[in-house]
Protein backbone atom coordinates (compact mmCIF):
# COMPACT_ATOMS: atom_id res chain seq x y z
CA UNK A 1 -29.42 -61.56 32.46
CA UNK A 2 -31.44 -58.32 32.38
CA UNK A 3 -31.38 -58.29 28.57
CA UNK A 4 -32.84 -61.82 28.53
CA UNK A 5 -35.64 -60.82 30.94
CA UNK A 6 -36.51 -57.76 28.85
CA UNK A 7 -36.61 -59.89 25.70
CA UNK A 8 -38.90 -62.44 27.39
CA UNK A 9 -41.20 -59.69 28.67
CA UNK A 10 -41.40 -58.07 25.23
CA UNK A 11 -42.18 -61.46 23.67
CA UNK A 12 -44.93 -62.12 26.20
CA UNK A 13 -46.51 -58.71 25.52
CA UNK A 14 -46.37 -59.32 21.76
CA UNK A 15 -48.00 -62.75 22.04
CA UNK A 16 -50.72 -61.38 24.34
CA UNK A 17 -51.54 -58.50 21.99
CA UNK A 18 -51.67 -60.81 18.96
CA UNK A 19 -54.01 -63.19 20.79
CA UNK A 20 -56.32 -60.32 21.74
CA UNK A 21 -56.42 -59.10 18.14
CA UNK A 22 -57.49 -62.53 16.91
CA UNK A 23 -60.21 -62.94 19.55
CA UNK A 24 -62.92 -61.09 17.63
CA UNK A 25 -66.59 -61.40 18.45
CA UNK A 26 -68.39 -63.66 16.01
CA UNK A 27 -72.04 -62.85 15.51
CA UNK A 28 -74.57 -65.64 15.35
CA UNK A 29 -75.31 -66.46 11.70
CA UNK A 30 -77.84 -69.26 12.19
CA UNK A 31 -79.29 -71.42 14.91
CA UNK A 32 -81.11 -74.73 15.17
CA UNK A 33 -83.95 -75.31 17.59
CA UNK A 34 -86.52 -77.93 18.46
CA UNK A 35 -88.63 -75.58 20.60
CA UNK A 36 -92.21 -75.60 19.40
CA UNK A 37 -94.98 -73.09 19.93
CA UNK A 38 -97.40 -75.49 21.61
CA UNK A 39 -99.71 -75.99 18.63
CA UNK A 40 -97.80 -78.71 16.80
CA UNK A 41 -96.41 -77.44 13.52
CA UNK A 42 -98.94 -74.62 13.26
CA UNK A 43 -96.82 -71.47 13.46
CA UNK A 44 -99.35 -69.21 11.78
CA UNK A 45 -97.65 -69.10 8.40
CA UNK A 46 -94.32 -67.46 7.64
CA UNK A 47 -95.21 -64.43 9.73
CA UNK A 48 -95.70 -66.59 12.81
CA UNK A 49 -92.60 -68.67 12.06
CA UNK A 50 -90.48 -65.51 11.70
CA UNK A 51 -91.86 -64.17 14.98
CA UNK A 52 -91.07 -67.47 16.72
CA UNK A 53 -87.50 -67.41 15.37
CA UNK A 54 -87.01 -63.82 16.54
CA UNK A 55 -88.30 -64.66 20.02
CA UNK A 56 -85.95 -67.64 20.34
CA UNK A 57 -82.94 -65.74 18.99
CA UNK A 58 -83.54 -62.83 21.36
CA UNK A 59 -83.78 -65.25 24.29
CA UNK A 60 -80.43 -66.73 23.18
CA UNK A 61 -78.79 -63.28 23.26
CA UNK A 62 -78.90 -62.28 19.61
CA UNK A 63 -79.49 -58.55 19.10
CA UNK A 64 -79.67 -56.17 16.17
CA UNK A 65 -80.83 -58.70 13.62
CA UNK A 66 -84.17 -59.82 12.22
CA UNK A 67 -84.41 -63.60 11.96
CA UNK A 68 -86.44 -65.42 9.34
CA UNK A 69 -87.70 -68.98 9.30
């Protein structure tokens, strides 16, 4: 009986460690938004559009990346 319990415990530890290894953090690669800037479609050119994207991405928790429209 003890051998069976040890085998089950070892199996549970192995499954847990494999699950943790597969649970890697995936960084955001793109996002879709419908949040405007309050002036219709006038974002101030690409510079303004990039700034708007960076503001929205930062608010969503994205860090360490420069977003472009």
